[in-house]
């Protein structure tokens, strides 16, 4: 699911501790998700030690070989039982493989025109012709990458795990609805400290450590311009970006993002030209959270 994928991504980011990757995840989530999935697929399928992709393709070929040989054998039996001809044999052969192979009956007309009457000979000829083709394919698979797939596995997974890509207008956390272009408001379970998106307190360089859901429960004002501000709790009146979001009052912050702010304090200050001072002072208890703590939280 999209939820489990995000948990896996957060664990991976914490273990790697690469601020630039966090920046891509926060500001360009859709591209990050697709690239992350692609890397996972590459690491799994193209593992040189286990040769997973090659083994998968060879296994599929072996299964296919069994099916084709069975179709040859069974088609021959039907023709003999009915005293049929090559035309009947081809009809039976294509029908039996129709669910596993795109094999147009018209492509085999040349066999029909040879006026072969010995069905047993046809059976042996088809069987012998199949084996070298499969062996050549196996040799090709020894040096192949993902090219045999008509649609790349990471593309299929990215589409299946898509969901809504609308970011919170404040902290940039993604809406957790699993349906793209869904009805109703956007929402999410846990907002992040707004400093992760580079938001400052008005007319200061102090980064905001508060989260959106605690601010809508406060008496703070949302500044929309030099001459316009509204109570944070009335954020929906700020315009289209805000009116489609449901942000319910809640003061809980995930330990993960508390750890992130503390661990990457210098990088956040440099990237967003701000300081964790004044109203943006990092609470002392946040500094006690370890990476082990946040990974344990994600496991739960």
Protein backbone atom coordinates (compact mmCIF):
# COMPACT_ATOMS: atom_id res chain seq x y z
CA UNK A 1 0.00 0.00 0.00
CA UNK A 2 0.99 3.64 -0.36
CA UNK A 3 1.10 3.95 3.45
CA UNK A 4 3.53 1.05 3.84
CA UNK A 5 5.64 2.35 0.97
CA UNK A 6 5.96 5.70 2.73
CA UNK A 7 6.99 3.99 5.97
CA UNK A 8 9.65 2.07 4.05
CA UNK A 9 10.88 5.32 2.44
CA UNK A 10 11.10 7.10 5.79
CA UNK A 11 13.08 4.21 7.27
CA UNK A 12 15.44 4.22 4.31
CA UNK A 13 15.96 8.00 4.55
CA UNK A 14 16.67 7.83 8.28
CA UNK A 15 19.17 5.02 7.86
CA UNK A 16 20.98 6.84 5.04
CA UNK A 17 20.90 10.31 6.69
CA UNK A 18 21.21 12.16 3.37
CA UNK A 19 19.70 15.66 3.65
CA UNK A 20 19.56 16.19 -0.13
CA UNK A 21 17.37 13.09 -0.49
CA UNK A 22 15.11 14.38 2.26
CA UNK A 23 14.83 17.66 0.37
CA UNK A 24 13.77 15.79 -2.79
CA UNK A 25 11.26 13.74 -0.79
CA UNK A 26 9.70 16.83 0.80
CA UNK A 27 9.62 19.14 -2.22
CA UNK A 28 9.33 16.70 -5.16
CA UNK A 29 7.49 13.69 -3.67
CA UNK A 30 6.06 12.22 -6.87
CA UNK A 31 9.45 12.09 -8.61
CA UNK A 32 11.09 10.79 -5.44
CA UNK A 33 8.54 7.98 -5.02
CA UNK A 34 8.96 6.81 -8.62
CA UNK A 35 12.77 6.93 -8.46
CA UNK A 36 12.72 5.09 -5.13
CA UNK A 37 10.52 2.33 -6.54
CA UNK A 38 12.72 2.08 -9.64
CA UNK A 39 15.84 1.66 -7.51
CA UNK A 40 14.16 -1.05 -5.42
CA UNK A 41 13.11 -2.92 -8.57
CA UNK A 42 16.61 -2.58 -10.06
CA UNK A 43 18.27 -3.77 -6.86
CA UNK A 44 15.97 -6.78 -6.70
CA UNK A 45 15.78 -7.80 -10.36
CA UNK A 46 19.33 -6.98 -11.44
CA UNK A 47 21.11 -8.42 -8.43
CA UNK A 48 24.24 -9.92 -10.02
CA UNK A 49 24.76 -12.40 -7.21
CA UNK A 50 21.30 -13.99 -7.24
CA UNK A 51 20.50 -13.21 -10.91
CA UNK A 52 16.85 -12.93 -9.92
CA UNK A 53 15.59 -11.52 -13.21
CA UNK A 54 17.45 -14.11 -15.28
CA UNK A 55 16.15 -16.90 -13.06
CA UNK A 56 12.60 -15.54 -13.26
CA UNK A 57 12.71 -15.39 -17.06
CA UNK A 58 14.23 -18.85 -17.36
CA UNK A 59 11.57 -20.26 -15.04
CA UNK A 60 8.87 -18.62 -17.16
CA UNK A 61 10.41 -20.09 -20.30
CA UNK A 62 10.49 -23.58 -18.77
CA UNK A 63 6.79 -23.29 -17.89
CA UNK A 64 6.05 -22.02 -21.39
CA UNK A 65 7.99 -24.90 -22.94
CA UNK A 66 5.89 -27.41 -20.99
CA UNK A 67 2.67 -25.72 -22.17
CA UNK A 68 3.72 -25.69 -25.83
CA UNK A 69 4.83 -29.32 -25.80
CA UNK A 70 1.51 -30.25 -24.16
CA UNK A 71 -0.37 -28.30 -26.86
CA UNK A 72 1.59 -30.11 -29.60
CA UNK A 73 0.90 -33.50 -28.03
CA UNK A 74 -2.79 -32.88 -27.33
CA UNK A 75 -3.45 -31.35 -30.76
CA UNK A 76 -1.91 -34.39 -32.41
CA UNK A 77 -4.10 -36.72 -30.34
CA UNK A 78 -7.29 -34.83 -31.28
CA UNK A 79 -6.42 -34.93 -35.00
CA UNK A 80 -5.72 -38.66 -34.90
CA UNK A 81 -8.92 -39.39 -32.99
CA UNK A 82 -10.97 -37.42 -35.51
CA UNK A 83 -8.97 -38.48 -38.56
CA UNK A 84 -8.40 -34.79 -39.17
CA UNK A 85 -5.81 -32.85 -41.16
CA UNK A 86 -3.18 -30.13 -40.67
CA UNK A 87 -5.85 -27.43 -40.64
CA UNK A 88 -7.56 -29.04 -37.65
CA UNK A 89 -4.20 -29.51 -35.93
CA UNK A 90 -3.41 -25.79 -36.27
CA UNK A 91 -6.87 -24.85 -35.00
CA UNK A 92 -6.39 -27.00 -31.90
CA UNK A 93 -2.81 -25.81 -31.34
CA UNK A 94 -3.71 -22.09 -31.45
CA UNK A 95 -6.79 -22.60 -29.29
CA UNK A 96 -4.88 -24.38 -26.55
CA UNK A 97 -2.22 -21.66 -26.37
CA UNK A 98 -4.63 -18.75 -26.75
CA UNK A 99 -4.59 -17.87 -23.03
CA UNK A 100 -0.78 -17.75 -22.74
CA UNK A 101 0.48 -16.70 -26.16
CA UNK A 102 -0.52 -14.18 -28.79
CA UNK A 103 -0.33 -16.58 -31.75
CA UNK A 104 -2.47 -15.49 -34.73
CA UNK A 105 -3.75 -18.46 -36.69
CA UNK A 106 -2.94 -16.58 -39.92
CA UNK A 107 0.80 -16.66 -39.12
CA UNK A 108 0.83 -20.45 -39.55
CA UNK A 109 -0.78 -20.63 -42.99
CA UNK A 110 2.52 -21.59 -44.60
CA UNK A 111 2.43 -24.91 -42.71
CA UNK A 112 -1.09 -25.53 -43.92
CA UNK A 113 -0.11 -24.89 -47.54
CA UNK A 114 2.64 -27.52 -47.44
CA UNK A 115 -0.11 -30.15 -47.63
CA UNK A 116 1.50 -32.30 -44.97
CA UNK A 117 -0.50 -35.45 -44.30
CA UNK A 118 1.77 -37.12 -41.74
CA UNK A 119 0.56 -35.60 -38.43
CA UNK A 120 3.17 -37.49 -36.42
CA UNK A 121 5.88 -35.92 -38.58
CA UNK A 122 4.34 -32.47 -37.94
CA UNK A 123 4.37 -33.13 -34.21
CA UNK A 124 8.07 -34.08 -34.24
CA UNK A 125 9.03 -31.16 -36.49
CA UNK A 126 7.28 -28.62 -34.25
CA UNK A 127 8.85 -30.07 -31.11
CA UNK A 128 12.35 -29.99 -32.58
CA UNK A 129 11.88 -26.42 -33.84
CA UNK A 130 10.82 -25.18 -30.39
CA UNK A 131 13.82 -26.31 -28.36
CA UNK A 132 16.58 -24.32 -30.13
CA UNK A 133 14.41 -21.17 -30.05
CA UNK A 134 14.06 -21.45 -26.29
CA UNK A 135 17.78 -22.12 -25.83
CA UNK A 136 18.64 -18.99 -27.81
CA UNK A 137 16.26 -16.96 -25.66
CA UNK A 138 17.96 -18.25 -22.51
CA UNK A 139 21.33 -17.13 -23.88
CA UNK A 140 19.88 -13.68 -24.54
CA UNK A 141 18.57 -13.51 -20.98
CA UNK A 142 22.11 -14.02 -19.64
CA UNK A 143 22.96 -10.43 -20.64
CA UNK A 144 19.53 -8.81 -20.56
CA UNK A 145 18.13 -6.13 -18.26
CA UNK A 146 14.50 -5.05 -17.86
CA UNK A 147 13.93 -4.76 -21.64
CA UNK A 148 11.78 -7.91 -22.04
CA UNK A 149 8.97 -6.25 -20.11
CA UNK A 150 6.48 -4.41 -22.30
CA UNK A 151 5.71 -2.19 -19.34
CA UNK A 152 8.44 -1.58 -16.78
CA UNK A 153 7.74 -3.08 -13.33
CA UNK A 154 8.52 0.17 -11.51
CA UNK A 155 6.01 2.02 -13.71
CA UNK A 156 3.30 -0.52 -12.87
CA UNK A 157 4.05 -0.23 -9.14
CA UNK A 158 4.15 3.58 -9.27
CA UNK A 159 0.70 3.64 -10.86
CA UNK A 160 -0.73 1.12 -8.39
CA UNK A 161 0.66 3.03 -5.39
CA UNK A 162 -0.14 6.46 -6.76
CA UNK A 163 -2.91 7.93 -4.60
CA UNK A 164 -3.29 11.68 -4.09
CA UNK A 165 -0.24 13.88 -4.65
CA UNK A 166 -1.68 17.09 -3.16
CA UNK A 167 0.73 18.56 -0.56
CA UNK A 168 -0.40 20.37 2.57
CA UNK A 169 -0.15 24.09 1.75
CA UNK A 170 1.86 24.63 4.94
CA UNK A 171 4.17 21.67 5.69
CA UNK A 172 4.04 19.92 2.28
CA UNK A 173 3.11 16.51 3.73
CA UNK A 174 1.03 14.57 1.19
CA UNK A 175 -2.67 13.91 1.41
CA UNK A 176 -3.09 10.28 2.45
CA UNK A 177 -6.13 9.53 0.29
CA UNK A 178 -5.35 6.48 -1.85
CA UNK A 179 -7.41 7.73 -4.83
CA UNK A 180 -6.09 10.24 -7.35
CA UNK A 181 -8.53 13.14 -7.94
CA UNK A 182 -10.67 11.92 -5.04
CA UNK A 183 -13.88 13.55 -3.85
CA UNK A 184 -13.97 15.59 -0.65
CA UNK A 185 -11.24 17.35 1.27
CA UNK A 186 -7.56 16.52 1.38
CA UNK A 187 -6.31 15.32 4.74
CA UNK A 188 -3.50 13.46 6.47
CA UNK A 189 -2.88 11.84 9.82
CA UNK A 190 0.31 13.63 10.88
CA UNK A 191 1.51 17.07 9.86
CA UNK A 192 5.19 18.04 10.08
CA UNK A 193 6.93 20.99 11.73
CA UNK A 194 6.58 23.76 9.16
CA UNK A 195 10.34 24.33 9.26
CA UNK A 196 10.71 21.20 7.12
CA UNK A 197 9.11 23.21 4.29
CA UNK A 198 11.14 26.35 5.10
CA UNK A 199 8.37 28.47 6.68
CA UNK A 200 9.42 31.39 8.92
CA UNK A 201 7.53 33.37 11.52
CA UNK A 202 6.37 36.65 9.95
CA UNK A 203 9.05 39.36 9.68
CA UNK A 204 11.69 37.15 11.32
CA UNK A 205 14.19 34.56 10.20
CA UNK A 206 12.91 32.19 12.89
CA UNK A 207 11.86 28.83 11.45
CA UNK A 208 8.47 27.47 12.56
CA UNK A 209 8.69 24.30 14.64
CA UNK A 210 4.90 24.21 15.19
CA UNK A 211 2.78 21.87 13.07
CA UNK A 212 -0.26 22.91 11.03
CA UNK A 213 -2.76 21.01 13.17
CA UNK A 214 -1.58 22.74 16.37
CA UNK A 215 -1.59 26.18 14.74
CA UNK A 216 -5.24 25.85 13.67
CA UNK A 217 -6.03 25.22 17.35
CA UNK A 218 -4.13 28.34 18.44
CA UNK A 219 -4.79 32.09 18.38
CA UNK A 220 -2.01 32.65 15.85
CA UNK A 221 -2.65 34.52 12.61
CA UNK A 222 -1.93 33.34 9.10
CA UNK A 223 -0.17 36.13 7.22
CA UNK A 224 -1.15 36.20 3.53
CA UNK A 225 0.48 39.51 2.63
CA UNK A 226 1.69 42.78 4.08
CA UNK A 227 -1.87 44.00 4.55
CA UNK A 228 -3.78 40.76 4.95
CA UNK A 229 -3.88 38.22 7.73
CA UNK A 230 -6.56 35.94 9.12
CA UNK A 231 -6.86 33.69 12.19
CA UNK A 232 -5.11 30.40 11.53
CA UNK A 233 -8.29 28.56 12.48
CA UNK A 234 -9.96 30.24 9.48
CA UNK A 235 -7.28 29.01 7.07
CA UNK A 236 -9.93 27.84 4.57
CA UNK A 237 -10.67 31.49 3.79
CA UNK A 238 -7.11 31.94 2.48
CA UNK A 239 -7.94 30.73 -1.04
CA UNK A 240 -8.28 27.58 -3.19
CA UNK A 241 -5.04 25.95 -2.01
CA UNK A 242 -6.30 26.07 1.57
CA UNK A 243 -10.06 25.67 1.19
CA UNK A 244 -9.80 22.07 -0.04
CA UNK A 245 -7.90 20.90 3.03
CA UNK A 246 -9.29 19.51 6.26
CA UNK A 247 -6.80 20.23 9.05
CA UNK A 248 -8.22 19.24 12.43
CA UNK A 249 -6.78 20.65 15.67
CA UNK A 250 -4.14 18.30 17.08
CA UNK A 251 -0.91 19.03 18.95
CA UNK A 252 0.80 15.64 18.45
CA UNK A 253 4.00 15.55 16.42
CA UNK A 254 5.65 12.36 15.20
CA UNK A 255 8.99 11.69 16.88
CA UNK A 256 10.39 11.12 13.40
CA UNK A 257 10.13 14.78 12.38
CA UNK A 258 11.31 16.01 15.77
CA UNK A 259 14.46 13.92 15.26
CA UNK A 260 14.77 15.15 11.68
CA UNK A 261 14.67 18.83 12.74
CA UNK A 262 17.30 18.26 15.43
CA UNK A 263 19.56 16.07 13.32
CA UNK A 264 19.51 18.33 10.26
CA UNK A 265 19.27 21.64 12.09
CA UNK A 266 22.30 23.18 10.37
CA UNK A 267 21.19 22.02 6.91
CA UNK A 268 17.65 23.36 7.41
CA UNK A 269 18.95 26.71 8.61
CA UNK A 270 21.31 27.00 5.66
CA UNK A 271 18.80 25.84 3.05
CA UNK A 272 15.98 28.08 4.28
CA UNK A 273 18.06 31.07 5.45
CA UNK A 274 16.62 30.87 8.95
CA UNK A 275 17.39 30.06 12.54
CA UNK A 276 15.77 27.88 15.17
CA UNK A 277 15.58 30.76 17.61
CA UNK A 278 12.92 32.83 19.36
CA UNK A 279 9.48 31.39 18.61
CA UNK A 280 11.23 28.73 16.56
CA UNK A 281 13.43 27.45 19.37
CA UNK A 282 13.66 23.64 19.25
CA UNK A 283 12.12 22.13 22.43
CA UNK A 284 14.82 20.55 24.60
CA UNK A 285 12.97 17.22 24.79
CA UNK A 286 13.21 16.84 21.02
CA UNK A 287 16.98 16.66 21.31
CA UNK A 288 16.72 13.48 23.39
CA UNK A 289 15.14 11.51 20.53
CA UNK A 290 17.49 9.08 18.79
CA UNK A 291 17.40 7.49 15.37
CA UNK A 292 16.75 4.17 17.08
CA UNK A 293 13.64 5.71 18.67
CA UNK A 294 12.20 6.90 15.36
CA UNK A 295 12.93 3.63 13.56
CA UNK A 296 11.18 1.79 16.38
CA UNK A 297 8.21 4.16 16.05
CA UNK A 298 7.99 3.42 12.33
CA UNK A 299 8.04 -0.34 13.00
CA UNK A 300 4.92 0.08 15.11
